Structures are given as structure tokens and as C-alpha cells.
Amino acid sequence: GFRYAVAGASAISCLTEPKWFKGTLQDMTDIRIAIDKLPNRPALLRKDFILSPYQVYESRAAGADSILLIVSCLDKITCKHLLELSRSLNMEPLVEVNSAEELKLALEIGSKVIG
């Protein structure tokens, strides 16, 4: 993560899902520690299957500036709740969509960053 930051990256994504992607929350925390004192440090995105409010709080506590919300993994109410909770913690989530229907849902709940 540090090399990306020094090279001018605007954001760094870190996989924290252990089973399929072999990432850990500690990986993200280590990146945050490495880049935290840099001027204009990049935003740090937690990439995982975020399904609960606990994970949103956990992400912020571990140093995330943003989280990934995958529309196909969440119902509309949960997605909106996690989006709003993220914002209340000063994180703007990246909302992942894979179809026109998912894009419509992301827009309806007020997503600003969609990918």
C-alpha cells in the first residue's frame, strides 16, 4: 500500500475476505498505519462481503475510509441502511452493481460512488 501511496494513488483497495481472497482485516490496518502520516494520503477501501452494521463499524475502527457494498448480496433496505451508517461514520461507500436493475436500486438509495 505504501508504494501506491507514494506513487500518487488516490485510493487503495484492500481485500479483507479470508476464505476466498486470502485477505485479513489486519492487512488493511497495516496499510492504514503505513500511509496514515503521508500528506494527501489515499483513501483506503475495504473490499469484503459487507453484510451487517457490525462490519461497517469494524471497517471504520480498522482504518477504512470506504467500504464495498455489493448490491447482489444485499436487499434494498439493508443496502440503504449500510450506506447511511457508512456516511454517518464519514465513509462514502463504493456500491457495486452488475446489471441495470442493480444500478436502479443503487440510484434509488442515493449512492454517489457506483462501480
PDB file of N, CA and C in Angstrom:
ATOM      1  N   GLY A   1       0.790  -1.181   0.000  1.00  0.00           N
ATOM      2  CA  GLY A   1       0.000   0.000   0.000  1.00  0.00           C
ATOM      3  C   GLY A   1       0.845   1.263   0.000  1.00  0.00           C
ATOM      4  N   PHE A   2       1.963   1.240   0.709  1.00  0.00           N
ATOM      5  CA  PHE A   2       2.802   2.425   0.825  1.00  0.00           C
ATOM      6  C   PHE A   2       3.338   2.860  -0.536  1.00  0.00           C
ATOM      7  N   ARG A   3       3.773   1.904  -1.340  1.00  0.00           N
ATOM      8  CA  ARG A   3       4.301   2.242  -2.674  1.00  0.00           C
ATOM      9  C   ARG A   3       3.237   2.901  -3.543  1.00  0.00           C
ATOM     10  N   TYR A   4       2.011   2.399  -3.478  1.00  0.00           N
ATOM     11  CA  TYR A   4       0.917   3.015  -4.231  1.00  0.00           C
ATOM     12  C   TYR A   4       0.704   4.457  -3.776  1.00  0.00           C
ATOM     13  N   ALA A   5       0.738   4.656  -2.467  1.00  0.00           N
ATOM     14  CA  ALA A   5       0.510   5.989  -1.914  1.00  0.00           C
ATOM     15  C   ALA A   5       1.590   6.963  -2.361  1.00  0.00           C
ATOM     16  N   VAL A   6       2.826   6.555  -2.273  1.00  0.00           N
ATOM     17  CA  VAL A   6       3.945   7.410  -2.662  1.00  0.00           C
ATOM     18  C   VAL A   6       3.921   7.686  -4.166  1.00  0.00           C
ATOM     19  N   ALA A   7       3.417   6.743  -4.937  1.00  0.00           N
ATOM     20  CA  ALA A   7       3.333   6.917  -6.392  1.00  0.00           C
ATOM     21  C   ALA A   7       2.175   7.816  -6.806  1.00  0.00           C
ATOM     22  N   GLY A   8       1.334   8.217  -5.846  1.00  0.00           N
ATOM     23  CA  GLY A   8       0.265   9.158  -6.144  1.00  0.00           C
ATOM     24  C   GLY A   8      -1.126   8.568  -6.275  1.00  0.00           C
ATOM     25  N   ALA A   9      -1.327   7.336  -5.827  1.00  0.00           N
ATOM     26  CA  ALA A   9      -2.661   6.736  -5.906  1.00  0.00           C
ATOM     27  C   ALA A   9      -3.659   7.560  -5.097  1.00  0.00           C
ATOM     28  N   SER A  10      -4.862   7.697  -5.624  1.00  0.00           N
ATOM     29  CA  SER A  10      -5.931   8.411  -4.918  1.00  0.00           C
ATOM     30  C   SER A  10      -6.649   7.515  -3.929  1.00  0.00           C
ATOM     31  N   ALA A  11      -6.622   6.221  -4.201  1.00  0.00           N
ATOM     32  CA  ALA A  11      -7.290   5.254  -3.325  1.00  0.00           C
ATOM     33  C   ALA A  11      -6.544   3.925  -3.401  1.00  0.00           C
ATOM     34  N   ILE A  12      -6.655   3.179  -2.318  1.00  0.00           N
ATOM     35  CA  ILE A  12      -6.085   1.836  -2.249  1.00  0.00           C
ATOM     36  C   ILE A  12      -7.195   0.915  -1.773  1.00  0.00           C
ATOM     37  N   SER A  13      -7.425  -0.162  -2.510  1.00  0.00           N
ATOM     38  CA  SER A  13      -8.405  -1.144  -2.061  1.00  0.00           C
ATOM     39  C   SER A  13      -7.671  -2.326  -1.450  1.00  0.00           C
ATOM     40  N   CYS A  14      -8.251  -2.843  -0.388  1.00  0.00           N
ATOM     41  CA  CYS A  14      -7.637  -3.962   0.311  1.00  0.00           C
ATOM     42  C   CYS A  14      -8.682  -5.054   0.526  1.00  0.00           C
ATOM     43  N   LEU A  15      -8.395  -6.234   0.011  1.00  0.00           N
ATOM     44  CA  LEU A  15      -9.258  -7.388   0.237  1.00  0.00           C
ATOM     45  C   LEU A  15      -9.083  -7.866   1.671  1.00  0.00           C
ATOM     46  N   THR A  16     -10.191  -8.011   2.384  1.00  0.00           N
ATOM     47  CA  THR A  16     -10.107  -8.486   3.763  1.00  0.00           C
ATOM     48  C   THR A  16     -10.862  -9.797   3.976  1.00  0.00           C
ATOM     49  N   GLU A  17     -11.386 -10.367   2.908  1.00  0.00           N
ATOM     50  CA  GLU A  17     -12.154 -11.615   2.997  1.00  0.00           C
ATOM     51  C   GLU A  17     -11.166 -12.787   3.017  1.00  0.00           C
ATOM     52  N   PRO A  18     -11.163 -13.585   4.101  1.00  0.00           N
ATOM     53  CA  PRO A  18     -10.132 -14.601   4.253  1.00  0.00           C
ATOM     54  C   PRO A  18     -10.325 -15.900   3.475  1.00  0.00           C
ATOM     55  N   LYS A  19     -11.545 -16.354   3.305  1.00  0.00           N
ATOM     56  CA  LYS A  19     -11.754 -17.686   2.717  1.00  0.00           C
ATOM     57  C   LYS A  19     -11.431 -17.730   1.231  1.00  0.00           C
ATOM     58  N   TRP A  20     -12.033 -16.833   0.459  1.00  0.00           N
ATOM     59  CA  TRP A  20     -11.888 -16.878  -0.997  1.00  0.00           C
ATOM     60  C   TRP A  20     -10.744 -16.013  -1.522  1.00  0.00           C
ATOM     61  N   PHE A  21     -10.454 -14.910  -0.811  1.00  0.00           N
ATOM     62  CA  PHE A  21      -9.462 -13.956  -1.317  1.00  0.00           C
ATOM     63  C   PHE A  21      -8.211 -13.861  -0.452  1.00  0.00           C
ATOM     64  N   LYS A  22      -8.176 -14.629   0.624  1.00  0.00           N
ATOM     65  CA  LYS A  22      -6.996 -14.744   1.492  1.00  0.00           C
ATOM     66  C   LYS A  22      -6.540 -13.412   2.088  1.00  0.00           C
ATOM     67  N   GLY A  23      -7.485 -12.500   2.290  1.00  0.00           N
ATOM     68  CA  GLY A  23      -7.157 -11.228   2.916  1.00  0.00           C
ATOM     69  C   GLY A  23      -7.556 -11.236   4.379  1.00  0.00           C
ATOM     70  N   THR A  24      -7.071 -10.249   5.118  1.00  0.00           N
ATOM     71  CA  THR A  24      -7.433 -10.122   6.523  1.00  0.00           C
ATOM     72  C   THR A  24      -7.676  -8.659   6.867  1.00  0.00           C
ATOM     73  N   LEU A  25      -8.402  -8.443   7.926  1.00  0.00           N
ATOM     74  CA  LEU A  25      -8.614  -7.098   8.422  1.00  0.00           C
ATOM     75  C   LEU A  25      -7.283  -6.491   8.867  1.00  0.00           C
ATOM     76  N   GLN A  26      -6.398  -7.328   9.367  1.00  0.00           N
ATOM     77  CA  GLN A  26      -5.078  -6.845   9.784  1.00  0.00           C
ATOM     78  C   GLN A  26      -4.289  -6.301   8.593  1.00  0.00           C
ATOM     79  N   ASP A  27      -4.464  -6.896   7.401  1.00  0.00           N
ATOM     80  CA  ASP A  27      -3.803  -6.367   6.201  1.00  0.00           C
ATOM     81  C   ASP A  27      -4.192  -4.906   5.997  1.00  0.00           C
ATOM     82  N   MET A  28      -5.482  -4.620   6.134  1.00  0.00           N
ATOM     83  CA  MET A  28      -5.960  -3.253   5.928  1.00  0.00           C
ATOM     84  C   MET A  28      -5.428  -2.313   7.009  1.00  0.00           C
ATOM     85  N   THR A  29      -5.446  -2.780   8.242  1.00  0.00           N
ATOM     86  CA  THR A  29      -4.927  -1.967   9.335  1.00  0.00           C
ATOM     87  C   THR A  29      -3.446  -1.656   9.120  1.00  0.00           C
ATOM     88  N   ASP A  30      -2.695  -2.641   8.667  1.00  0.00           N
ATOM     89  CA  ASP A  30      -1.269  -2.431   8.397  1.00  0.00           C
ATOM     90  C   ASP A  30      -1.051  -1.388   7.304  1.00  0.00           C
ATOM     91  N   ILE A  31      -1.889  -1.427   6.267  1.00  0.00           N
ATOM     92  CA  ILE A  31      -1.787  -0.424   5.200  1.00  0.00           C
ATOM     93  C   ILE A  31      -2.094   0.952   5.765  1.00  0.00           C
ATOM     94  N   ARG A  32      -3.148   1.042   6.558  1.00  0.00           N
ATOM     95  CA  ARG A  32      -3.529   2.340   7.140  1.00  0.00           C
ATOM     96  C   ARG A  32      -2.399   2.918   7.980  1.00  0.00           C
ATOM     97  N   ILE A  33      -1.780   2.097   8.777  1.00  0.00           N
ATOM     98  CA  ILE A  33      -0.655   2.558   9.607  1.00  0.00           C
ATOM     99  C   ILE A  33       0.484   3.053   8.717  1.00  0.00           C
ATOM    100  N   ALA A  34       0.758   2.323   7.634  1.00  0.00           N
ATOM    101  CA  ALA A  34       1.868   2.686   6.747  1.00  0.00           C
ATOM    102  C   ALA A  34       1.637   4.011   6.027  1.00  0.00           C
ATOM    103  N   ILE A  35       0.387   4.337   5.710  1.00  0.00           N
ATOM    104  CA  ILE A  35       0.112   5.540   4.914  1.00  0.00           C
ATOM    105  C   ILE A  35      -0.443   6.700   5.735  1.00  0.00           C
ATOM    106  N   ASP A  36      -0.746   6.464   6.980  1.00  0.00           N
ATOM    107  CA  ASP A  36      -1.509   7.433   7.772  1.00  0.00           C
ATOM    108  C   ASP A  36      -0.865   8.809   7.884  1.00  0.00           C
ATOM    109  N   LYS A  37       0.421   8.892   7.945  1.00  0.00           N
ATOM    110  CA  LYS A  37       1.087  10.177   8.155  1.00  0.00           C
ATOM    111  C   LYS A  37       1.500  10.867   6.853  1.00  0.00           C
ATOM    112  N   LEU A  38       1.200  10.258   5.732  1.00  0.00           N
ATOM    113  CA  LEU A  38       1.553  10.868   4.447  1.00  0.00           C
ATOM    114  C   LEU A  38       0.655  12.067   4.165  1.00  0.00           C
ATOM    115  N   PRO A  39       1.229  13.129   3.592  1.00  0.00           N
ATOM    116  CA  PRO A  39       0.365  14.244   3.177  1.00  0.00           C
ATOM    117  C   PRO A  39      -0.519  13.794   2.020  1.00  0.00           C
ATOM    118  N   ASN A  40      -1.769  14.192   2.039  1.00  0.00           N
ATOM    119  CA  ASN A  40      -2.711  13.802   0.978  1.00  0.00           C
ATOM    120  C   ASN A  40      -2.745  12.299   0.762  1.00  0.00           C
ATOM    121  N   ARG A  41      -2.789  11.564   1.854  1.00  0.00           N
ATOM    122  CA  ARG A  41      -2.771  10.101   1.744  1.00  0.00           C
ATOM    123  C   ARG A  41      -4.002   9.613   0.973  1.00  0.00           C
ATOM    124  N   PRO A  42      -3.871   8.491   0.276  1.00  0.00           N
ATOM    125  CA  PRO A  42      -5.018   7.949  -0.457  1.00  0.00           C
ATOM    126  C   PRO A  42      -6.092   7.399   0.487  1.00  0.00           C
ATOM    127  N   ALA A  43      -7.304   7.388  -0.005  1.00  0.00           N
ATOM    128  CA  ALA A  43      -8.398   6.763   0.729  1.00  0.00           C
ATOM    129  C   ALA A  43      -8.182   5.256   0.741  1.00  0.00           C
ATOM    130  N   LEU A  44      -8.627   4.616   1.808  1.00  0.00           N
ATOM    131  CA  LEU A  44      -8.470   3.176   1.954  1.00  0.00           C
ATOM    132  C   LEU A  44      -9.841   2.508   1.914  1.00  0.00           C
ATOM    133  N   LEU A  45     -10.018   1.629   0.936  1.00  0.00           N
ATOM    134  CA  LEU A  45     -11.284   0.933   0.695  1.00  0.00           C
ATOM    135  C   LEU A  45     -11.196  -0.504   1.183  1.00  0.00           C
ATOM    136  N   ARG A  46     -12.133  -0.898   2.048  1.00  0.00           N
ATOM    137  CA  ARG A  46     -12.223  -2.297   2.473  1.00  0.00           C
ATOM    138  C   ARG A  46     -13.088  -3.053   1.476  1.00  0.00           C
ATOM    139  N   LYS A  47     -12.490  -4.071   0.842  1.00  0.00           N
ATOM    140  CA  LYS A  47     -13.220  -4.927  -0.091  1.00  0.00           C
ATOM    141  C   LYS A  47     -13.491  -6.265   0.589  1.00  0.00           C
ATOM    142  N   ASP A  48     -14.760  -6.478   0.855  1.00  0.00           N
ATOM    143  CA  ASP A  48     -15.195  -7.691   1.545  1.00  0.00           C
ATOM    144  C   ASP A  48     -16.686  -7.831   1.281  1.00  0.00           C
ATOM    145  N   PHE A  49     -17.268  -8.884   1.783  1.00  0.00           N
ATOM    146  CA  PHE A  49     -18.712  -9.054   1.700  1.00  0.00           C
ATOM    147  C   PHE A  49     -19.309  -8.399   2.943  1.00  0.00           C
ATOM    148  N   ILE A  50     -19.589  -7.115   2.864  1.00  0.00           N
ATOM    149  CA  ILE A  50     -20.129  -6.360   3.991  1.00  0.00           C
ATOM    150  C   ILE A  50     -21.638  -6.610   4.038  1.00  0.00           C
ATOM    151  N   LEU A  51     -22.076  -7.260   5.110  1.00  0.00           N
ATOM    152  CA  LEU A  51     -23.472  -7.685   5.223  1.00  0.00           C
ATOM    153  C   LEU A  51     -24.179  -7.157   6.467  1.00  0.00           C
ATOM    154  N   SER A  52     -23.413  -6.589   7.402  1.00  0.00           N
ATOM    155  CA  SER A  52     -24.015  -6.194   8.678  1.00  0.00           C
ATOM    156  C   SER A  52     -23.454  -4.866   9.176  1.00  0.00           C
ATOM    157  N   PRO A  53     -24.216  -4.185  10.024  1.00  0.00           N
ATOM    158  CA  PRO A  53     -23.715  -2.949  10.635  1.00  0.00           C
ATOM    159  C   PRO A  53     -22.403  -3.170  11.396  1.00  0.00           C
ATOM    160  N   TYR A  54     -22.268  -4.301  12.051  1.00  0.00           N
ATOM    161  CA  TYR A  54     -21.033  -4.589  12.785  1.00  0.00           C
ATOM    162  C   TYR A  54     -19.820  -4.428  11.879  1.00  0.00           C
ATOM    163  N   GLN A  55     -19.907  -4.954  10.652  1.00  0.00           N
ATOM    164  CA  GLN A  55     -18.782  -4.887   9.733  1.00  0.00           C
ATOM    165  C   GLN A  55     -18.480  -3.445   9.316  1.00  0.00           C
ATOM    166  N   VAL A  56     -19.493  -2.604   9.268  1.00  0.00           N
ATOM    167  CA  VAL A  56     -19.274  -1.188   8.933  1.00  0.00           C
ATOM    168  C   VAL A  56     -18.479  -0.529  10.057  1.00  0.00           C
ATOM    169  N   TYR A  57     -18.908  -0.728  11.295  1.00  0.00           N
ATOM    170  CA  TYR A  57     -18.166  -0.185  12.435  1.00  0.00           C
ATOM    171  C   TYR A  57     -16.755  -0.755  12.498  1.00  0.00           C
ATOM    172  N   GLU A  58     -16.651  -2.058  12.281  1.00  0.00           N
ATOM    173  CA  GLU A  58     -15.357  -2.733  12.292  1.00  0.00           C
ATOM    174  C   GLU A  58     -14.430  -2.138  11.242  1.00  0.00           C
ATOM    175  N   SER A  59     -14.971  -1.856  10.075  1.00  0.00           N
ATOM    176  CA  SER A  59     -14.181  -1.282   8.982  1.00  0.00           C
ATOM    177  C   SER A  59     -13.608   0.071   9.376  1.00  0.00           C
ATOM    178  N   ARG A  60     -14.457   0.917   9.943  1.00  0.00           N
ATOM    179  CA  ARG A  60     -14.013   2.250  10.341  1.00  0.00           C
ATOM    180  C   ARG A  60     -12.968   2.161  11.439  1.00  0.00           C
ATOM    181  N   ALA A  61     -13.206   1.287  12.416  1.00  0.00           N
ATOM    182  CA  ALA A  61     -12.261   1.125  13.523  1.00  0.00           C
ATOM    183  C   ALA A  61     -10.907   0.615  13.043  1.00  0.00           C
ATOM    184  N   ALA A  62     -10.901  -0.154  11.964  1.00  0.00           N
ATOM    185  CA  ALA A  62      -9.661  -0.712  11.427  1.00  0.00           C
ATOM    186  C   ALA A  62      -8.965   0.231  10.446  1.00  0.00           C
ATOM    187  N   GLY A  63      -9.580   1.398  10.188  1.00  0.00           N
ATOM    188  CA  GLY A  63      -8.905   2.389   9.354  1.00  0.00           C
ATOM    189  C   GLY A  63      -9.466   2.616   7.980  1.00  0.00           C
ATOM    190  N   ALA A  64     -10.578   1.977   7.640  1.00  0.00           N
ATOM    191  CA  ALA A  64     -11.158   2.169   6.309  1.00  0.00           C
ATOM    192  C   ALA A  64     -11.734   3.571   6.165  1.00  0.00           C
ATOM    193  N   ASP A  65     -11.585   4.123   4.962  1.00  0.00           N
ATOM    194  CA  ASP A  65     -12.237   5.379   4.590  1.00  0.00           C
ATOM    195  C   ASP A  65     -13.492   5.101   3.785  1.00  0.00           C
ATOM    196  N   SER A  66     -13.584   3.890   3.256  1.00  0.00           N
ATOM    197  CA  SER A  66     -14.710   3.493   2.429  1.00  0.00           C
ATOM    198  C   SER A  66     -14.862   1.981   2.523  1.00  0.00           C
ATOM    199  N   ILE A  67     -16.058   1.516   2.173  1.00  0.00           N
ATOM    200  CA  ILE A  67     -16.317   0.076   2.125  1.00  0.00           C
ATOM    201  C   ILE A  67     -16.997  -0.253   0.808  1.00  0.00           C
ATOM    202  N   LEU A  68     -16.959  -1.512   0.450  1.00  0.00           N
ATOM    203  CA  LEU A  68     -17.641  -2.007  -0.738  1.00  0.00           C
ATOM    204  C   LEU A  68     -18.984  -2.584  -0.330  1.00  0.00           C
ATOM    205  N   LEU A  69     -20.051  -2.078  -0.945  1.00  0.00           N
ATOM    206  CA  LEU A  69     -21.381  -2.660  -0.770  1.00  0.00           C
ATOM    207  C   LEU A  69     -21.773  -3.302  -2.090  1.00  0.00           C
ATOM    208  N   ILE A  70     -21.987  -4.592  -2.085  1.00  0.00           N
ATOM    209  CA  ILE A  70     -22.309  -5.344  -3.300  1.00  0.00           C
ATOM    210  C   ILE A  70     -23.820  -5.535  -3.352  1.00  0.00           C
ATOM    211  N   VAL A  71     -24.463  -4.866  -4.287  1.00  0.00           N
ATOM    212  CA  VAL A  71     -25.928  -4.866  -4.354  1.00  0.00           C
ATOM    213  C   VAL A  71     -26.485  -6.286  -4.466  1.00  0.00           C
ATOM    214  N   SER A  72     -25.834  -7.153  -5.211  1.00  0.00           N
ATOM    215  CA  SER A  72     -26.356  -8.508  -5.390  1.00  0.00           C
ATOM    216  C   SER A  72     -26.349  -9.328  -4.095  1.00  0.00           C
ATOM    217  N   CYS A  73     -25.626  -8.878  -3.082  1.00  0.00           N
ATOM    218  CA  CYS A  73     -25.555  -9.588  -1.805  1.00  0.00           C
ATOM    219  C   CYS A  73     -26.497  -9.024  -0.750  1.00  0.00           C
ATOM    220  N   LEU A  74     -27.177  -7.912  -1.078  1.00  0.00           N
ATOM    221  CA  LEU A  74     -27.973  -7.207  -0.074  1.00  0.00           C
ATOM    222  C   LEU A  74     -29.370  -6.916  -0.588  1.00  0.00           C
ATOM    223  N   ASP A  75     -30.351  -6.930   0.306  1.00  0.00           N
ATOM    224  CA  ASP A  75     -31.668  -6.451  -0.093  1.00  0.00           C
ATOM    225  C   ASP A  75     -31.650  -4.924  -0.018  1.00  0.00           C
ATOM    226  N   LYS A  76     -32.638  -4.289  -0.593  1.00  0.00           N
ATOM    227  CA  LYS A  76     -32.658  -2.830  -0.705  1.00  0.00           C
ATOM    228  C   LYS A  76     -32.604  -2.148   0.662  1.00  0.00           C
ATOM    229  N   ILE A  77     -33.366  -2.626   1.611  1.00  0.00           N
ATOM    230  CA  ILE A  77     -33.410  -1.999   2.938  1.00  0.00           C
ATOM    231  C   ILE A  77     -32.046  -2.094   3.625  1.00  0.00           C
ATOM    232  N   THR A  78     -31.441  -3.261   3.574  1.00  0.00           N
ATOM    233  CA  THR A  78     -30.129  -3.447   4.203  1.00  0.00           C
ATOM    234  C   THR A  78     -29.074  -2.595   3.512  1.00  0.00           C
ATOM    235  N   CYS A  79     -29.103  -2.573   2.199  1.00  0.00           N
ATOM    236  CA  CYS A  79     -28.128  -1.786   1.445  1.00  0.00           C
ATOM    237  C   CYS A  79     -28.232  -0.306   1.819  1.00  0.00           C
ATOM    238  N   LYS A  80     -29.457   0.198   1.870  1.00  0.00           N
ATOM    239  CA  LYS A  80     -29.671   1.605   2.234  1.00  0.00           C
ATOM    240  C   LYS A  80     -29.207   1.875   3.665  1.00  0.00           C
ATOM    241  N   HIS A  81     -29.518   0.965   4.574  1.00  0.00           N
ATOM    242  CA  HIS A  81     -29.097   1.140   5.966  1.00  0.00           C
ATOM    243  C   HIS A  81     -27.571   1.170   6.086  1.00  0.00           C
ATOM    244  N   LEU A  82     -26.895   0.251   5.410  1.00  0.00           N
ATOM    245  CA  LEU A  82     -25.433   0.209   5.484  1.00  0.00           C
ATOM    246  C   LEU A  82     -24.815   1.441   4.831  1.00  0.00           C
ATOM    247  N   LEU A  83     -25.420   1.919   3.750  1.00  0.00           N
ATOM    248  CA  LEU A  83     -24.970   3.149   3.093  1.00  0.00           C
ATOM    249  C   LEU A  83     -25.081   4.329   4.057  1.00  0.00           C
ATOM    250  N   GLU A  84     -26.223   4.471   4.691  1.00  0.00           N
ATOM    251  CA  GLU A  84     -26.440   5.580   5.622  1.00  0.00           C
ATOM    252  C   GLU A  84     -25.537   5.477   6.849  1.00  0.00           C
ATOM    253  N   LEU A  85     -25.363   4.270   7.363  1.00  0.00           N
ATOM    254  CA  LEU A  85     -24.471   4.069   8.502  1.00  0.00           C
ATOM    255  C   LEU A  85     -23.038   4.453   8.128  1.00  0.00           C
ATOM    256  N   SER A  86     -22.608   4.030   6.949  1.00  0.00           N
ATOM    257  CA  SER A  86     -21.263   4.376   6.477  1.00  0.00           C
ATOM    258  C   SER A  86     -21.069   5.879   6.439  1.00  0.00           C
ATOM    259  N   ARG A  87     -22.036   6.566   5.884  1.00  0.00           N
ATOM    260  CA  ARG A  87     -21.943   8.028   5.801  1.00  0.00           C
ATOM    261  C   ARG A  87     -21.909   8.674   7.179  1.00  0.00           C
ATOM    262  N   SER A  88     -22.651   8.110   8.125  1.00  0.00           N
ATOM    263  CA  SER A  88     -22.643   8.676   9.480  1.00  0.00           C
ATOM    264  C   SER A  88     -21.270   8.544  10.131  1.00  0.00           C
ATOM    265  N   LEU A  89     -20.446   7.643   9.604  1.00  0.00           N
ATOM    266  CA  LEU A  89     -19.080   7.434  10.091  1.00  0.00           C
ATOM    267  C   LEU A  89     -18.050   8.100   9.170  1.00  0.00           C
ATOM    268  N   ASN A  90     -18.531   9.006   8.309  1.00  0.00           N
ATOM    269  CA  ASN A  90     -17.673   9.735   7.359  1.00  0.00           C
ATOM    270  C   ASN A  90     -16.985   8.827   6.346  1.00  0.00           C
ATOM    271  N   MET A  91     -17.697   7.795   5.911  1.00  0.00           N
ATOM    272  CA  MET A  91     -17.218   6.931   4.832  1.00  0.00           C
ATOM    273  C   MET A  91     -18.248   6.983   3.708  1.00  0.00           C
ATOM    274  N   GLU A  92     -17.792   7.183   2.500  1.00  0.00           N
ATOM    275  CA  GLU A  92     -18.676   7.119   1.332  1.00  0.00           C
ATOM    276  C   GLU A  92     -18.423   5.772   0.658  1.00  0.00           C
ATOM    277  N   PRO A  93     -19.388   4.858   0.712  1.00  0.00           N
ATOM    278  CA  PRO A  93     -19.145   3.524   0.163  1.00  0.00           C
ATOM    279  C   PRO A  93     -19.127   3.474  -1.367  1.00  0.00           C
ATOM    280  N   LEU A  94     -18.387   2.510  -1.867  1.00  0.00           N
ATOM    281  CA  LEU A  94     -18.431   2.148  -3.276  1.00  0.00           C
ATOM    282  C   LEU A  94     -19.524   1.097  -3.399  1.00  0.00           C
ATOM    283  N   VAL A  95     -20.538   1.380  -4.201  1.00  0.00           N
ATOM    284  CA  VAL A  95     -21.662   0.467  -4.368  1.00  0.00           C
ATOM    285  C   VAL A  95     -21.480  -0.271  -5.695  1.00  0.00           C
ATOM    286  N   GLU A  96     -21.298  -1.586  -5.607  1.00  0.00           N
ATOM    287  CA  GLU A  96     -21.029  -2.400  -6.797  1.00  0.00           C
ATOM    288  C   GLU A  96     -22.335  -2.893  -7.404  1.00  0.00           C
ATOM    289  N   VAL A  97     -22.479  -2.664  -8.708  1.00  0.00           N
ATOM    290  CA  VAL A  97     -23.645  -3.138  -9.450  1.00  0.00           C
ATOM    291  C   VAL A  97     -23.169  -3.955 -10.652  1.00  0.00           C
ATOM    292  N   ASN A  98     -24.016  -4.891 -11.062  1.00  0.00           N
ATOM    293  CA  ASN A  98     -23.679  -5.747 -12.204  1.00  0.00           C
ATOM    294  C   ASN A  98     -24.808  -5.870 -13.208  1.00  0.00           C
ATOM    295  N   SER A  99     -25.819  -5.021 -13.076  1.00  0.00           N
ATOM    296  CA  SER A  99     -26.937  -5.058 -14.015  1.00  0.00           C
ATOM    297  C   SER A  99     -27.667  -3.729 -13.961  1.00  0.00           C
ATOM    298  N   ALA A 100     -28.530  -3.511 -14.928  1.00  0.00           N
ATOM    299  CA  ALA A 100     -29.339  -2.292 -14.953  1.00  0.00           C
ATOM    300  C   ALA A 100     -30.263  -2.239 -13.739  1.00  0.00           C
ATOM    301  N   GLU A 101     -30.795  -3.386 -13.339  1.00  0.00           N
ATOM    302  CA  GLU A 101     -31.681  -3.444 -12.175  1.00  0.00           C
ATOM    303  C   GLU A 101     -30.936  -3.056 -10.899  1.00  0.00           C
ATOM    304  N   GLU A 102     -29.709  -3.546 -10.752  1.00  0.00           N
ATOM    305  CA  GLU A 102     -28.910  -3.199  -9.578  1.00  0.00           C
ATOM    306  C   GLU A 102     -28.523  -1.721  -9.600  1.00  0.00           C
ATOM    307  N   LEU A 103     -28.241  -1.191 -10.776  1.00  0.00           N
ATOM    308  CA  LEU A 103     -27.933   0.239 -10.900  1.00  0.00           C
ATOM    309  C   LEU A 103     -29.127   1.075 -10.464  1.00  0.00           C
ATOM    310  N   LYS A 104     -30.310   0.670 -10.871  1.00  0.00           N
ATOM    311  CA  LYS A 104     -31.525   1.387 -10.475  1.00  0.00           C
ATOM    312  C   LYS A 104     -31.659   1.407  -8.957  1.00  0.00           C
ATOM    313  N   LEU A 105     -31.440   0.270  -8.309  1.00  0.00           N
ATOM    314  CA  LEU A 105     -31.521   0.198  -6.852  1.00  0.00           C
ATOM    315  C   LEU A 105     -30.477   1.110  -6.217  1.00  0.00           C
ATOM    316  N   ALA A 106     -29.252   1.071  -6.719  1.00  0.00           N
ATOM    317  CA  ALA A 106     -28.173   1.898  -6.166  1.00  0.00           C
ATOM    318  C   ALA A 106     -28.529   3.381  -6.251  1.00  0.00           C
ATOM    319  N   LEU A 107     -29.105   3.786  -7.360  1.00  0.00           N
ATOM    320  CA  LEU A 107     -29.500   5.190  -7.519  1.00  0.00           C
ATOM    321  C   LEU A 107     -30.673   5.540  -6.605  1.00  0.00           C
ATOM    322  N   GLU A 108     -31.618   4.624  -6.463  1.00  0.00           N
ATOM    323  CA  GLU A 108     -32.798   4.874  -5.612  1.00  0.00           C
ATOM    324  C   GLU A 108     -32.421   5.088  -4.149  1.00  0.00           C
ATOM    325  N   ILE A 109     -31.377   4.410  -3.687  1.00  0.00           N
ATOM    326  CA  ILE A 109     -30.996   4.566  -2.286  1.00  0.00           C
ATOM    327  C   ILE A 109     -30.022   5.727  -2.076  1.00  0.00           C
ATOM    328  N   GLY A 110     -29.655   6.400  -3.157  1.00  0.00           N
ATOM    329  CA  GLY A 110     -28.827   7.595  -3.029  1.00  0.00           C
ATOM    330  C   GLY A 110     -27.321   7.377  -3.123  1.00  0.00           C
ATOM    331  N   SER A 111     -26.906   6.301  -3.731  1.00  0.00           N
ATOM    332  CA  SER A 111     -25.468   6.027  -3.874  1.00  0.00           C
ATOM    333  C   SER A 111     -24.804   7.121  -4.700  1.00  0.00           C
ATOM    334  N   LYS A 112     -23.606   7.511  -4.290  1.00  0.00           N
ATOM    335  CA  LYS A 112     -22.838   8.531  -5.014  1.00  0.00           C
ATOM    336  C   LYS A 112     -21.681   7.938  -5.794  1.00  0.00           C
ATOM    337  N   VAL A 113     -21.106   6.838  -5.269  1.00  0.00           N
ATOM    338  CA  VAL A 113     -19.983   6.184  -5.933  1.00  0.00           C
ATOM    339  C   VAL A 113     -20.451   4.793  -6.325  1.00  0.00           C
ATOM    340  N   ILE A 114     -20.567   4.567  -7.625  1.00  0.00           N
ATOM    341  CA  ILE A 114     -21.109   3.311  -8.142  1.00  0.00           C
ATOM    342  C   ILE A 114     -20.125   2.721  -9.125  1.00  0.00           C
ATOM    343  N   GLY A 115     -19.893   1.442  -9.007  1.00  0.00           N
ATOM    344  CA  GLY A 115     -18.956   0.784  -9.909  1.00  0.00           C
ATOM    345  C   GLY A 115     -19.407  -0.615 -10.251  1.00  0.00           C
TER     346      GLY A 115
END
